């Protein structure tokens, strides 16, 4: 089973050879079995990778992320026709029933708020945690009363301080956005590998967003990024690349400990199964939301 996250931060040449990814740096060669690689993050824009390496990595369903000149995740590579019955799945996706999508969205938002509740309890913010728990018990009709947004207003300030404003240009937001981007890249991979389109969402319908479905599905998993960012900032760590360790963390889901990516796959597959069978009984969320 793939388990390695490979991070390329310096000028490198990446090639394929006999089942291995060969990384050439400063005259040294490092060989890593492609079957062991789960994520490849190429941060350095001075690096080069051969087409044969990209193809072999993609065949092995490795999540390949390329960063821009600001070292932020910019694009990822997904395979084409990775599911034998893609047309059937896309046809079903286009015809997803809106009312049932609202029911799925209710469950997603409720679990996101449960995650925020557990996160705040972990960081000893009980008063705000209880308010968010109350919000989680009053979600209906596709969260038409915007309990998700109301919770966010008090959640982030409780977690990061009263002066914190989401999407400001500061270190905390930079860390959060970087972490979320890493998770979304994995979600993109799983969506396409299962034969669906990232553009067609359950709730998000922004015509300019290529990842409406991905940003629907990430919601319950954002708290794992939030916790990691909180811990890094509290410990004075200012290198956001430490967030790649998220992929080495384990989450309890469906009664078993799973690495983050495996948990994502189980959850995403359950959402598609629920949409296909039109029953929320197929949904599988993490058993708890604290690492």
Protein backbone atom coordinates (compact mmCIF):
# COMPACT_ATOMS: atom_id res chain seq x y z
CA UNK A 1 0.00 0.00 0.00
CA UNK A 2 1.27 3.48 -0.89
CA UNK A 3 2.27 5.49 2.16
CA UNK A 4 5.09 7.91 1.27
CA UNK A 5 4.73 11.66 0.73
CA UNK A 6 7.66 12.93 -1.34
CA UNK A 7 8.44 16.66 -1.11
CA UNK A 8 10.74 18.29 -3.68
CA UNK A 9 11.93 21.67 -2.39
CA UNK A 10 15.24 22.07 -4.29
CA UNK A 11 16.26 22.01 -7.96
CA UNK A 12 15.83 18.40 -9.07
CA UNK A 13 15.42 16.11 -12.08
CA UNK A 14 12.75 13.44 -11.65
CA UNK A 15 12.85 10.40 -13.92
CA UNK A 16 11.30 6.93 -14.20
CA UNK A 17 13.36 3.74 -14.19
CA UNK A 18 12.20 0.13 -13.72
CA UNK A 19 9.40 0.86 -11.24
CA UNK A 20 11.32 3.55 -9.39
CA UNK A 21 11.10 7.32 -9.25
CA UNK A 22 14.67 8.55 -9.58
CA UNK A 23 15.36 11.94 -7.96
CA UNK A 24 18.58 13.60 -9.10
CA UNK A 25 19.88 16.44 -6.89
CA UNK A 26 23.38 17.94 -6.80
CA UNK A 27 24.97 14.90 -8.37
CA UNK A 28 23.20 12.43 -6.07
CA UNK A 29 20.53 9.95 -7.16
CA UNK A 30 17.76 8.72 -4.88
CA UNK A 31 15.47 5.87 -5.96
CA UNK A 32 11.99 5.37 -4.47
CA UNK A 33 9.55 2.61 -5.41
CA UNK A 34 6.60 4.25 -7.12
CA UNK A 35 4.25 1.69 -5.57
CA UNK A 36 5.16 3.16 -2.15
CA UNK A 37 4.37 6.78 -3.11
CA UNK A 38 1.01 8.26 -2.19
CA UNK A 39 1.75 11.96 -2.73
CA UNK A 40 4.40 13.82 -4.74
CA UNK A 41 4.63 17.54 -4.00
CA UNK A 42 6.97 19.50 -6.30
CA UNK A 43 7.51 22.85 -4.59
CA UNK A 44 10.57 24.02 -6.52
CA UNK A 45 9.76 25.63 -9.88
CA UNK A 46 13.38 24.90 -10.85
CA UNK A 47 12.64 21.17 -10.92
CA UNK A 48 11.96 19.06 -14.02
CA UNK A 49 10.06 15.80 -14.40
CA UNK A 50 9.97 13.50 -17.41
CA UNK A 51 6.77 12.51 -19.15
CA UNK A 52 7.46 8.83 -18.47
CA UNK A 53 7.71 9.57 -14.74
CA UNK A 54 4.41 11.48 -14.78
CA UNK A 55 2.66 8.65 -16.66
CA UNK A 56 3.94 5.92 -14.33
CA UNK A 57 3.08 7.95 -11.25
CA UNK A 58 -0.42 8.57 -12.64
CA UNK A 59 -0.87 4.88 -13.45
CA UNK A 60 -0.16 4.16 -9.79
CA UNK A 61 -2.69 6.84 -8.74
CA UNK A 62 -0.07 9.01 -7.09
CA UNK A 63 -1.34 12.45 -6.15
CA UNK A 64 1.01 14.81 -8.04
CA UNK A 65 0.96 18.44 -6.92
CA UNK A 66 2.94 21.27 -8.53
CA UNK A 67 3.48 24.52 -6.61
CA UNK A 68 3.83 28.05 -8.04
CA UNK A 69 6.58 30.62 -7.50
CA UNK A 70 5.06 31.47 -4.11
CA UNK A 71 5.35 27.81 -3.05
CA UNK A 72 1.57 27.35 -2.95
CA UNK A 73 -0.17 24.31 -4.52
CA UNK A 74 -1.16 25.43 -8.01
CA UNK A 75 -2.21 22.36 -10.00
CA UNK A 76 -2.47 18.61 -9.73
CA UNK A 77 -2.52 15.80 -12.26
CA UNK A 78 -5.49 13.49 -12.62
CA UNK A 79 -5.85 10.58 -15.01
CA UNK A 80 -8.40 10.43 -17.84
CA UNK A 81 -10.92 7.57 -18.09
CA UNK A 82 -9.83 6.09 -14.77
CA UNK A 83 -13.21 4.41 -14.24
CA UNK A 84 -14.54 1.78 -16.66
CA UNK A 85 -18.11 3.13 -16.43
CA UNK A 86 -17.38 6.88 -16.35
CA UNK A 87 -20.20 7.76 -18.76
CA UNK A 88 -22.82 6.10 -16.55
CA UNK A 89 -21.48 7.87 -13.48
CA UNK A 90 -21.35 11.26 -15.20
CA UNK A 91 -24.89 10.76 -16.49
CA UNK A 92 -26.04 10.01 -12.94
CA UNK A 93 -24.06 12.98 -11.57
CA UNK A 94 -25.79 15.37 -13.97
CA UNK A 95 -29.16 13.97 -12.85
CA UNK A 96 -28.50 14.08 -9.09
CA UNK A 97 -31.76 14.99 -7.34
CA UNK A 98 -31.51 18.45 -5.74
CA UNK A 99 -33.64 17.58 -2.71
CA UNK A 100 -31.52 14.53 -1.98
CA UNK A 101 -28.35 16.57 -2.50
CA UNK A 102 -29.70 18.91 0.18
CA UNK A 103 -30.02 15.95 2.55
CA UNK A 104 -26.42 14.95 1.85
CA UNK A 105 -25.32 18.55 2.39
CA UNK A 106 -27.15 18.63 5.72
CA UNK A 107 -25.10 15.62 6.85
CA UNK A 108 -21.83 17.11 5.57
CA UNK A 109 -22.40 20.43 7.33
CA UNK A 110 -23.54 18.74 10.53
CA UNK A 111 -20.36 16.66 10.63
CA UNK A 112 -18.24 19.72 9.87
CA UNK A 113 -19.79 21.48 12.87
CA UNK A 114 -19.32 18.41 15.05
CA UNK A 115 -15.67 18.56 14.04
CA UNK A 116 -15.46 22.22 15.00
CA UNK A 117 -17.14 21.42 18.31
CA UNK A 118 -14.64 18.63 19.09
CA UNK A 119 -11.71 20.81 17.98
CA UNK A 120 -12.69 23.66 20.29
CA UNK A 121 -13.23 21.26 23.18
CA UNK A 122 -9.73 19.88 22.57
CA UNK A 123 -8.29 23.41 22.76
CA UNK A 124 -10.38 24.15 25.88
CA UNK A 125 -12.85 26.59 24.30
CA UNK A 126 -15.94 24.99 25.81
CA UNK A 127 -18.37 27.93 25.73
CA UNK A 128 -18.08 28.52 21.98
CA UNK A 129 -17.92 24.77 21.35
CA UNK A 130 -21.35 24.34 22.94
CA UNK A 131 -22.80 27.11 20.76
CA UNK A 132 -21.53 25.36 17.65
CA UNK A 133 -22.96 22.07 18.88
CA UNK A 134 -26.36 23.79 19.11
CA UNK A 135 -25.95 24.98 15.50
CA UNK A 136 -25.22 21.39 14.41
CA UNK A 137 -28.57 20.25 15.79
CA UNK A 138 -30.55 22.74 13.69
CA UNK A 139 -29.52 22.10 10.09
CA UNK A 140 -32.21 21.45 7.49
CA UNK A 141 -33.15 22.06 3.84
CA UNK A 142 -29.57 22.26 2.60
CA UNK A 143 -28.57 24.47 5.55
CA UNK A 144 -30.91 27.21 4.35
CA UNK A 145 -30.44 29.08 7.66
CA UNK A 146 -26.64 29.13 7.10
CA UNK A 147 -25.65 27.52 10.38
CA UNK A 148 -22.31 26.72 8.75
CA UNK A 149 -21.54 30.42 8.21
CA UNK A 150 -22.75 31.44 11.65
CA UNK A 151 -20.54 28.82 13.25
CA UNK A 152 -17.51 29.94 11.23
CA UNK A 153 -17.78 33.49 12.57
CA UNK A 154 -17.23 32.36 16.14
CA UNK A 155 -15.17 29.23 15.49
CA UNK A 156 -12.10 30.87 13.91
CA UNK A 157 -11.94 33.70 16.42
CA UNK A 158 -12.19 31.24 19.29
CA UNK A 159 -9.46 29.07 17.76
CA UNK A 160 -7.02 31.76 16.58
CA UNK A 161 -7.93 34.84 18.63
CA UNK A 162 -10.41 37.72 18.51
CA UNK A 163 -8.33 39.67 15.98
CA UNK A 164 -8.26 36.84 13.46
CA UNK A 165 -10.17 37.42 10.21
CA UNK A 166 -10.51 34.57 7.74
CA UNK A 167 -8.81 35.25 4.37
CA UNK A 168 -6.73 38.16 5.64
CA UNK A 169 -3.17 38.26 4.35
CA UNK A 170 -1.37 36.77 7.35
CA UNK A 171 0.60 33.68 8.35
CA UNK A 172 -2.35 31.79 9.84
CA UNK A 173 -4.46 32.20 6.71
CA UNK A 174 -1.49 31.27 4.54
CA UNK A 175 -1.07 28.06 6.52
CA UNK A 176 -4.81 27.28 6.40
CA UNK A 177 -5.08 27.86 2.65
CA UNK A 178 -2.00 25.74 2.00
CA UNK A 179 -3.35 22.87 4.11
CA UNK A 180 -6.79 23.03 2.52
CA UNK A 181 -5.18 22.99 -0.95
CA UNK A 182 -3.30 19.81 -0.10
CA UNK A 183 -6.52 18.11 1.00
CA UNK A 184 -8.45 19.33 -2.06
CA UNK A 185 -5.77 17.92 -4.37
CA UNK A 186 -6.30 14.48 -2.84
CA UNK A 187 -10.08 14.85 -3.12
CA UNK A 188 -9.72 15.78 -6.80
CA UNK A 189 -7.76 12.59 -7.35
CA UNK A 190 -10.40 10.41 -5.70
CA UNK A 191 -13.32 12.09 -7.48
CA UNK A 192 -11.79 11.55 -10.92
CA UNK A 193 -10.54 8.03 -10.13
CA UNK A 194 -14.12 7.10 -9.21
CA UNK A 195 -15.38 8.43 -12.54
CA UNK A 196 -16.96 11.75 -11.55
CA UNK A 197 -16.40 15.43 -12.40
CA UNK A 198 -15.01 17.89 -9.86
CA UNK A 199 -16.99 20.75 -11.44
CA UNK A 200 -20.50 19.46 -10.65
CA UNK A 201 -21.15 19.98 -6.96
CA UNK A 202 -23.72 18.88 -4.43
CA UNK A 203 -24.09 22.37 -2.96
CA UNK A 204 -21.52 24.71 -4.53
CA UNK A 205 -22.58 25.88 -8.01
CA UNK A 206 -20.03 28.58 -8.88
CA UNK A 207 -19.58 28.55 -12.67
CA UNK A 208 -16.02 29.84 -12.27
CA UNK A 209 -15.02 27.09 -9.85
CA UNK A 210 -13.49 23.96 -11.38
CA UNK A 211 -13.74 22.18 -8.03
CA UNK A 212 -17.28 22.75 -6.76
CA UNK A 213 -17.66 19.10 -5.73
CA UNK A 214 -14.22 19.01 -4.13
CA UNK A 215 -15.06 22.01 -1.95
CA UNK A 216 -18.34 20.35 -0.99
CA UNK A 217 -16.56 17.21 0.11
CA UNK A 218 -13.68 18.82 2.00
CA UNK A 219 -15.87 20.43 4.65
CA UNK A 220 -15.75 17.76 7.42
CA UNK A 221 -11.99 17.40 6.94
CA UNK A 222 -11.05 21.07 7.26
CA UNK A 223 -10.81 20.75 11.04
CA UNK A 224 -7.81 18.42 10.72
CA UNK A 225 -5.97 21.23 8.92
CA UNK A 226 -7.17 23.74 11.53
CA UNK A 227 -5.80 21.61 14.37
CA UNK A 228 -2.43 21.14 12.69
CA UNK A 229 -2.13 24.88 11.95
CA UNK A 230 -3.07 25.74 15.53
CA UNK A 231 -0.39 23.41 16.87
CA UNK A 232 2.29 24.64 14.45
CA UNK A 233 1.61 28.32 15.18
CA UNK A 234 1.46 27.68 18.93
CA UNK A 235 4.87 26.01 18.74
CA UNK A 236 6.38 28.91 16.80
CA UNK A 237 6.81 26.96 13.55
CA UNK A 238 6.65 29.29 10.54
CA UNK A 239 7.32 26.78 7.75
CA UNK A 240 3.98 25.85 6.19
CA UNK A 241 5.62 22.87 4.48
CA UNK A 242 5.34 21.11 7.84
CA UNK A 243 1.68 20.63 6.87
CA UNK A 244 2.61 17.79 4.53
CA UNK A 245 2.81 15.73 7.73
CA UNK A 246 -0.99 15.74 7.63
CA UNK A 247 -0.74 12.79 5.27
CA UNK A 248 1.16 10.83 7.92
CA UNK A 249 -1.58 11.32 10.51
CA UNK A 250 -4.21 8.67 11.24
CA UNK A 251 -7.95 9.15 11.65
CA UNK A 252 -10.47 6.72 13.08
CA UNK A 253 -13.21 6.03 10.54
CA UNK A 254 -15.67 3.16 10.23
CA UNK A 255 -14.15 1.62 13.35
CA UNK A 256 -10.54 1.52 12.11
CA UNK A 257 -7.46 3.73 12.20
CA UNK A 258 -6.66 4.99 8.70
CA UNK A 259 -4.14 7.39 7.22
CA UNK A 260 -5.74 10.68 6.20
CA UNK A 261 -5.84 9.83 2.48
CA UNK A 262 -7.39 6.42 3.11
CA UNK A 263 -10.02 8.03 5.35
CA UNK A 264 -10.77 10.58 2.62
CA UNK A 265 -11.31 7.81 0.08
CA UNK A 266 -13.65 5.84 2.39
CA UNK A 267 -15.69 8.97 3.08
CA UNK A 268 -15.86 10.14 -0.56
CA UNK A 269 -16.78 6.70 -1.85
CA UNK A 270 -19.58 6.56 0.74
CA UNK A 271 -20.97 9.89 -0.48
CA UNK A 272 -21.13 8.64 -4.08
CA UNK A 273 -22.68 5.37 -2.92
CA UNK A 274 -25.34 7.34 -1.03
CA UNK A 275 -26.08 9.51 -4.05
CA UNK A 276 -26.32 6.45 -6.28
CA UNK A 277 -28.63 4.52 -3.95
CA UNK A 278 -30.44 7.63 -2.67
CA UNK A 279 -29.99 6.73 1.00
CA UNK A 280 -27.99 8.58 3.63
CA UNK A 281 -27.42 5.25 5.39
CA UNK A 282 -24.42 4.68 3.13
CA UNK A 283 -22.59 7.75 4.46
CA UNK A 284 -19.39 7.17 6.44
CA UNK A 285 -17.83 10.06 8.37
CA UNK A 286 -14.85 10.02 10.75
CA UNK A 287 -15.64 8.47 14.13
CA UNK A 288 -14.06 11.51 15.79
CA UNK A 289 -12.50 14.73 14.60
CA UNK A 290 -9.38 15.13 16.71
CA UNK A 291 -6.10 13.48 15.69
